């Protein structure tokens, strides 16, 4: 779980900042194929369930 005030990079941030063109190509390919990534999951609203 993220600490208060901690921000995870968005997919757009990663695409803009990565020095590796293969990472950008992979993210574009996965998005076009409809495959979710960890970056997709980080920005989804979730409901915390504590047991």
N, C-alpha and C. Protein backbone atom coordinates (compact mmCIF):
# COMPACT_ATOMS: atom_id res chain seq x y z
N UNK A 1 0.84 -1.17 0.00
CA UNK A 1 0.00 0.00 0.00
C UNK A 1 0.89 1.24 0.00
N UNK A 2 0.51 2.22 -0.75
CA UNK A 2 1.30 3.44 -0.87
C UNK A 2 1.21 4.27 0.41
N UNK A 3 2.33 4.87 0.78
CA UNK A 3 2.33 5.78 1.92
C UNK A 3 1.57 7.04 1.55
N UNK A 4 1.09 7.72 2.54
CA UNK A 4 0.36 8.96 2.31
C UNK A 4 1.23 9.94 1.52
N UNK A 5 0.68 10.48 0.45
CA UNK A 5 1.40 11.44 -0.36
C UNK A 5 2.26 10.81 -1.44
N UNK A 6 2.41 9.48 -1.42
CA UNK A 6 3.21 8.81 -2.44
C UNK A 6 2.39 8.69 -3.72
N UNK A 7 3.02 8.98 -4.84
CA UNK A 7 2.31 8.93 -6.11
C UNK A 7 3.03 7.96 -7.03
N UNK A 8 2.27 7.06 -7.61
CA UNK A 8 2.82 6.13 -8.58
C UNK A 8 2.78 6.78 -9.95
N UNK A 9 3.75 6.47 -10.81
CA UNK A 9 3.73 7.06 -12.15
C UNK A 9 2.59 6.50 -12.98
N UNK A 10 2.02 7.34 -13.81
CA UNK A 10 0.99 6.86 -14.73
C UNK A 10 1.67 6.21 -15.92
N UNK A 11 0.88 5.54 -16.74
CA UNK A 11 1.44 4.93 -17.94
C UNK A 11 2.03 6.01 -18.85
N UNK A 12 1.37 7.16 -18.92
CA UNK A 12 1.88 8.27 -19.74
C UNK A 12 3.22 8.77 -19.20
N UNK A 13 3.35 8.83 -17.87
CA UNK A 13 4.63 9.24 -17.26
C UNK A 13 5.75 8.27 -17.63
N UNK A 14 5.46 6.99 -17.54
CA UNK A 14 6.47 5.97 -17.86
C UNK A 14 6.85 6.08 -19.32
N UNK A 15 5.86 6.23 -20.20
CA UNK A 15 6.14 6.32 -21.63
C UNK A 15 6.97 7.56 -21.95
N UNK A 16 6.72 8.65 -21.26
CA UNK A 16 7.44 9.89 -21.53
C UNK A 16 8.86 9.87 -20.97
N UNK A 17 9.06 9.16 -19.87
CA UNK A 17 10.35 9.23 -19.18
C UNK A 17 11.29 8.06 -19.42
N UNK A 18 10.78 6.96 -19.96
CA UNK A 18 11.67 5.81 -20.12
C UNK A 18 12.69 6.05 -21.22
N UNK A 19 13.94 5.71 -20.97
CA UNK A 19 14.96 5.87 -22.00
C UNK A 19 14.96 4.70 -22.98
N UNK A 20 14.21 3.65 -22.67
CA UNK A 20 14.22 2.43 -23.48
C UNK A 20 13.03 2.41 -24.44
N UNK A 21 13.28 2.52 -25.75
CA UNK A 21 12.17 2.52 -26.71
C UNK A 21 11.40 1.20 -26.71
N UNK A 22 12.02 0.10 -26.30
CA UNK A 22 11.32 -1.18 -26.25
C UNK A 22 10.21 -1.16 -25.20
N UNK A 23 10.41 -0.43 -24.12
CA UNK A 23 9.37 -0.31 -23.09
C UNK A 23 8.16 0.41 -23.66
N UNK A 24 8.40 1.51 -24.38
CA UNK A 24 7.29 2.24 -25.00
C UNK A 24 6.54 1.35 -26.00
N UNK A 25 7.28 0.62 -26.82
CA UNK A 25 6.65 -0.27 -27.80
C UNK A 25 5.82 -1.34 -27.10
N UNK A 26 6.36 -1.91 -26.03
CA UNK A 26 5.65 -2.96 -25.30
C UNK A 26 4.35 -2.42 -24.70
N UNK A 27 4.41 -1.23 -24.09
CA UNK A 27 3.20 -0.66 -23.48
C UNK A 27 2.14 -0.35 -24.53
N UNK A 28 2.55 0.17 -25.67
CA UNK A 28 1.60 0.45 -26.76
C UNK A 28 0.98 -0.86 -27.25
N UNK A 29 1.81 -1.87 -27.46
CA UNK A 29 1.32 -3.16 -27.94
C UNK A 29 0.32 -3.78 -26.96
N UNK A 30 0.66 -3.77 -25.68
CA UNK A 30 -0.23 -4.34 -24.67
C UNK A 30 -1.54 -3.59 -24.60
N UNK A 31 -1.49 -2.27 -24.70
CA UNK A 31 -2.72 -1.47 -24.67
C UNK A 31 -3.59 -1.78 -25.88
N UNK A 32 -2.99 -1.89 -27.06
CA UNK A 32 -3.75 -2.20 -28.27
C UNK A 32 -4.35 -3.60 -28.21
N UNK A 33 -3.67 -4.52 -27.54
CA UNK A 33 -4.17 -5.90 -27.41
C UNK A 33 -5.19 -6.04 -26.29
N UNK A 34 -5.38 -4.95 -25.52
CA UNK A 34 -6.35 -5.00 -24.42
C UNK A 34 -5.84 -5.71 -23.19
N UNK A 35 -4.53 -5.81 -23.07
CA UNK A 35 -3.92 -6.48 -21.92
C UNK A 35 -3.55 -5.43 -20.89
N UNK A 36 -4.02 -5.65 -19.65
CA UNK A 36 -3.72 -4.71 -18.58
C UNK A 36 -2.34 -4.98 -18.00
N UNK A 37 -1.73 -3.94 -17.50
CA UNK A 37 -0.41 -4.05 -16.88
C UNK A 37 -0.50 -3.61 -15.42
N UNK A 38 0.60 -3.74 -14.73
CA UNK A 38 0.66 -3.26 -13.35
C UNK A 38 0.33 -1.78 -13.31
N UNK A 39 0.79 -1.03 -14.30
CA UNK A 39 0.50 0.41 -14.35
C UNK A 39 -0.99 0.67 -14.46
N UNK A 40 -1.70 -0.19 -15.19
CA UNK A 40 -3.15 -0.05 -15.30
C UNK A 40 -3.80 -0.28 -13.95
N UNK A 41 -3.34 -1.32 -13.26
CA UNK A 41 -3.93 -1.69 -11.97
C UNK A 41 -3.69 -0.64 -10.89
N UNK A 42 -2.55 0.03 -10.92
CA UNK A 42 -2.23 1.01 -9.88
C UNK A 42 -3.19 2.19 -9.87
N UNK A 43 -3.78 2.49 -11.00
CA UNK A 43 -4.62 3.67 -11.08
C UNK A 43 -6.12 3.36 -11.11
N UNK A 44 -6.46 2.11 -10.86
CA UNK A 44 -7.87 1.74 -10.76
C UNK A 44 -8.34 2.00 -9.32
N UNK A 45 -9.56 2.52 -9.19
CA UNK A 45 -10.08 2.65 -7.82
C UNK A 45 -10.35 1.25 -7.26
N UNK A 46 -9.92 1.04 -6.05
CA UNK A 46 -10.12 -0.27 -5.42
C UNK A 46 -10.83 -0.11 -4.10
N UNK A 47 -11.48 -1.17 -3.71
CA UNK A 47 -12.15 -1.19 -2.42
C UNK A 47 -11.31 -2.04 -1.49
N UNK A 48 -10.88 -1.49 -0.39
CA UNK A 48 -10.09 -2.22 0.58
C UNK A 48 -10.99 -3.10 1.42
N UNK A 49 -10.66 -4.36 1.49
CA UNK A 49 -11.42 -5.30 2.32
C UNK A 49 -10.46 -5.85 3.36
N UNK A 50 -10.76 -5.57 4.61
CA UNK A 50 -9.91 -6.03 5.71
C UNK A 50 -10.59 -7.20 6.40
N UNK A 51 -9.82 -8.22 6.64
CA UNK A 51 -10.37 -9.39 7.32
C UNK A 51 -9.70 -9.60 8.63
